[in-house]
Amino acid sequence: MSQAQYLKMLEREIQKINKKIDLKILQGEKYFKEARDHKLLLKKVRYHSKKSFFSRLFGSLNSSRRYA
């Protein structure tokens, strides 16, 4: 599974959990478990997005040095 596919899968899971949380809020139920799962998924997304951001940043810095 590519990183892009993995991130899309995480986003879909986050959306599912958001819907569950919304329903529980409307019904007046507690949603501790869902909130914990949501937080863990967001950490995963941030971790994998941060890596790609830094690789793009350093990749562009290295390419600009070649032409200077």
N, C-alpha and C. Protein backbone atom coordinates (compact mmCIF):
# COMPACT_ATOMS: atom_id res chain seq x y z
N MET A 1 0.84 -1.17 0.00
CA MET A 1 0.00 0.00 0.00
C MET A 1 0.89 1.24 0.00
N SER A 2 0.62 2.13 -0.91
CA SER A 2 1.42 3.36 -0.98
C SER A 2 1.05 4.31 0.15
N GLN A 3 1.88 5.29 0.37
CA GLN A 3 1.62 6.25 1.44
C GLN A 3 0.34 7.04 1.17
N ALA A 4 0.11 7.37 -0.07
CA ALA A 4 -1.10 8.12 -0.42
C ALA A 4 -2.35 7.29 -0.13
N GLN A 5 -2.31 6.00 -0.47
CA GLN A 5 -3.44 5.12 -0.19
C GLN A 5 -3.66 4.97 1.31
N TYR A 6 -2.57 4.86 2.05
CA TYR A 6 -2.64 4.73 3.50
C TYR A 6 -3.28 5.98 4.12
N LEU A 7 -2.86 7.16 3.66
CA LEU A 7 -3.43 8.40 4.18
C LEU A 7 -4.91 8.51 3.85
N LYS A 8 -5.30 8.08 2.65
CA LYS A 8 -6.72 8.10 2.28
C LYS A 8 -7.53 7.18 3.17
N MET A 9 -6.96 6.00 3.47
CA MET A 9 -7.64 5.05 4.33
C MET A 9 -7.81 5.63 5.73
N LEU A 10 -6.77 6.31 6.23
CA LEU A 10 -6.86 6.94 7.54
C LEU A 10 -7.93 8.03 7.54
N GLU A 11 -7.99 8.81 6.48
CA GLU A 11 -8.99 9.87 6.37
C GLU A 11 -10.41 9.30 6.39
N ARG A 12 -10.61 8.18 5.69
CA ARG A 12 -11.93 7.54 5.69
C ARG A 12 -12.30 7.06 7.09
N GLU A 13 -11.34 6.48 7.79
CA GLU A 13 -11.59 6.02 9.15
C GLU A 13 -11.93 7.19 10.07
N ILE A 14 -11.23 8.30 9.90
CA ILE A 14 -11.52 9.49 10.70
C ILE A 14 -12.94 9.97 10.44
N GLN A 15 -13.35 9.96 9.18
CA GLN A 15 -14.71 10.39 8.84
C GLN A 15 -15.76 9.48 9.48
N LYS A 16 -15.51 8.17 9.48
CA LYS A 16 -16.44 7.22 10.11
C LYS A 16 -16.56 7.49 11.60
N ILE A 17 -15.41 7.72 12.24
CA ILE A 17 -15.42 7.98 13.68
C ILE A 17 -16.12 9.31 13.97
N ASN A 18 -15.90 10.31 13.11
CA ASN A 18 -16.58 11.60 13.29
C ASN A 18 -18.10 11.43 13.26
N LYS A 19 -18.59 10.60 12.35
CA LYS A 19 -20.03 10.35 12.26
C LYS A 19 -20.54 9.69 13.53
N LYS A 20 -19.78 8.70 14.04
CA LYS A 20 -20.17 8.02 15.28
C LYS A 20 -20.22 9.02 16.44
N ILE A 21 -19.20 9.88 16.52
CA ILE A 21 -19.15 10.88 17.59
C ILE A 21 -20.34 11.83 17.48
N ASP A 22 -20.63 12.28 16.28
CA ASP A 22 -21.76 13.19 16.08
C ASP A 22 -23.07 12.56 16.55
N LEU A 23 -23.28 11.28 16.18
CA LEU A 23 -24.51 10.59 16.60
C LEU A 23 -24.58 10.47 18.12
N LYS A 24 -23.47 10.13 18.73
CA LYS A 24 -23.46 9.97 20.19
C LYS A 24 -23.71 11.30 20.88
N ILE A 25 -23.18 12.38 20.34
CA ILE A 25 -23.43 13.70 20.91
C ILE A 25 -24.92 14.03 20.84
N LEU A 26 -25.52 13.77 19.67
CA LEU A 26 -26.94 14.05 19.50
C LEU A 26 -27.81 13.21 20.44
N GLN A 27 -27.36 11.99 20.72
CA GLN A 27 -28.12 11.09 21.59
C GLN A 27 -27.78 11.29 23.06
N GLY A 28 -26.81 12.14 23.34
CA GLY A 28 -26.43 12.41 24.72
C GLY A 28 -25.58 11.31 25.33
N GLU A 29 -24.94 10.50 24.51
CA GLU A 29 -24.10 9.40 25.01
C GLU A 29 -22.66 9.85 25.13
N LYS A 30 -21.89 9.07 25.87
CA LYS A 30 -20.46 9.36 26.02
C LYS A 30 -19.70 8.76 24.84
N TYR A 31 -18.61 9.40 24.47
CA TYR A 31 -17.87 8.97 23.28
C TYR A 31 -16.36 8.95 23.54
N PHE A 32 -15.96 8.52 24.74
CA PHE A 32 -14.54 8.49 25.10
C PHE A 32 -13.73 7.60 24.16
N LYS A 33 -14.24 6.41 23.88
CA LYS A 33 -13.50 5.47 23.04
C LYS A 33 -13.29 6.04 21.64
N GLU A 34 -14.34 6.61 21.09
CA GLU A 34 -14.25 7.18 19.74
C GLU A 34 -13.29 8.37 19.72
N ALA A 35 -13.31 9.18 20.77
CA ALA A 35 -12.41 10.33 20.83
C ALA A 35 -10.96 9.86 20.88
N ARG A 36 -10.70 8.80 21.63
CA ARG A 36 -9.34 8.25 21.71
C ARG A 36 -8.89 7.72 20.34
N ASP A 37 -9.77 6.97 19.68
CA ASP A 37 -9.45 6.44 18.35
C ASP A 37 -9.20 7.56 17.36
N HIS A 38 -10.01 8.60 17.42
CA HIS A 38 -9.87 9.76 16.53
C HIS A 38 -8.50 10.42 16.74
N LYS A 39 -8.13 10.57 17.99
CA LYS A 39 -6.85 11.20 18.31
C LYS A 39 -5.68 10.37 17.78
N LEU A 40 -5.75 9.06 17.93
CA LEU A 40 -4.68 8.18 17.44
C LEU A 40 -4.57 8.23 15.92
N LEU A 41 -5.70 8.24 15.24
CA LEU A 41 -5.67 8.33 13.78
C LEU A 41 -5.08 9.66 13.32
N LEU A 42 -5.44 10.74 13.99
CA LEU A 42 -4.87 12.04 13.63
C LEU A 42 -3.36 12.07 13.83
N LYS A 43 -2.88 11.43 14.88
CA LYS A 43 -1.43 11.34 15.11
C LYS A 43 -0.76 10.62 13.95
N LYS A 44 -1.37 9.53 13.48
CA LYS A 44 -0.81 8.78 12.36
C LYS A 44 -0.76 9.63 11.10
N VAL A 45 -1.85 10.36 10.84
CA VAL A 45 -1.89 11.22 9.65
C VAL A 45 -0.81 12.28 9.73
N ARG A 46 -0.69 12.92 10.89
CA ARG A 46 0.32 13.97 11.05
C ARG A 46 1.72 13.41 10.91
N TYR A 47 1.97 12.24 11.48
CA TYR A 47 3.29 11.63 11.41
C TYR A 47 3.69 11.36 9.96
N HIS A 48 2.78 10.77 9.20
CA HIS A 48 3.10 10.43 7.81
C HIS A 48 3.11 11.65 6.91
N SER A 49 2.31 12.64 7.19
CA SER A 49 2.30 13.86 6.40
C SER A 49 3.55 14.68 6.66
N LYS A 50 4.01 14.68 7.91
CA LYS A 50 5.20 15.45 8.27
C LYS A 50 6.41 14.91 7.52
N LYS A 51 6.52 13.59 7.43
CA LYS A 51 7.64 12.99 6.71
C LYS A 51 7.67 13.46 5.26
N SER A 52 6.53 13.40 4.61
CA SER A 52 6.51 13.78 3.19
C SER A 52 6.78 15.28 3.04
N PHE A 53 6.30 16.08 4.00
CA PHE A 53 6.55 17.51 3.93
C PHE A 53 8.05 17.80 3.99
N PHE A 54 8.75 17.17 4.95
CA PHE A 54 10.17 17.41 5.09
C PHE A 54 10.97 16.87 3.91
N SER A 55 10.54 15.73 3.38
CA SER A 55 11.26 15.20 2.22
C SER A 55 11.09 16.12 1.01
N ARG A 56 9.89 16.71 0.86
CA ARG A 56 9.68 17.66 -0.23
C ARG A 56 10.50 18.92 -0.01
N LEU A 57 10.54 19.38 1.23
CA LEU A 57 11.28 20.59 1.55
C LEU A 57 12.76 20.40 1.28
N PHE A 58 13.32 19.33 1.82
CA PHE A 58 14.75 19.11 1.64
C PHE A 58 15.09 18.74 0.20
N GLY A 59 14.18 18.08 -0.47
CA GLY A 59 14.39 17.77 -1.88
C GLY A 59 14.46 19.02 -2.72
N SER A 60 13.58 19.99 -2.42
CA SER A 60 13.60 21.23 -3.20
C SER A 60 14.82 22.08 -2.85
N LEU A 61 15.28 22.03 -1.61
CA LEU A 61 16.48 22.76 -1.22
C LEU A 61 17.70 22.19 -1.94
N ASN A 62 17.77 20.88 -2.01
CA ASN A 62 18.91 20.25 -2.67
C ASN A 62 18.91 20.55 -4.17
N SER A 63 17.77 20.56 -4.80
CA SER A 63 17.71 20.82 -6.23
C SER A 63 18.05 22.29 -6.52
N SER A 64 17.68 23.21 -5.63
CA SER A 64 17.99 24.62 -5.87
C SER A 64 19.48 24.89 -5.69
N ARG A 65 20.15 24.12 -4.88
CA ARG A 65 21.60 24.31 -4.69
C ARG A 65 22.38 23.89 -5.92
N ARG A 66 21.87 22.93 -6.65
CA ARG A 66 22.57 22.46 -7.85
C ARG A 66 22.64 23.55 -8.91
N TYR A 67 21.62 24.39 -8.94
CA TYR A 67 21.55 25.40 -10.00
C TYR A 67 22.15 26.74 -9.59
N ALA A 68 22.55 26.86 -8.34
CA ALA A 68 23.08 28.15 -7.86
C ALA A 68 24.53 28.32 -8.21
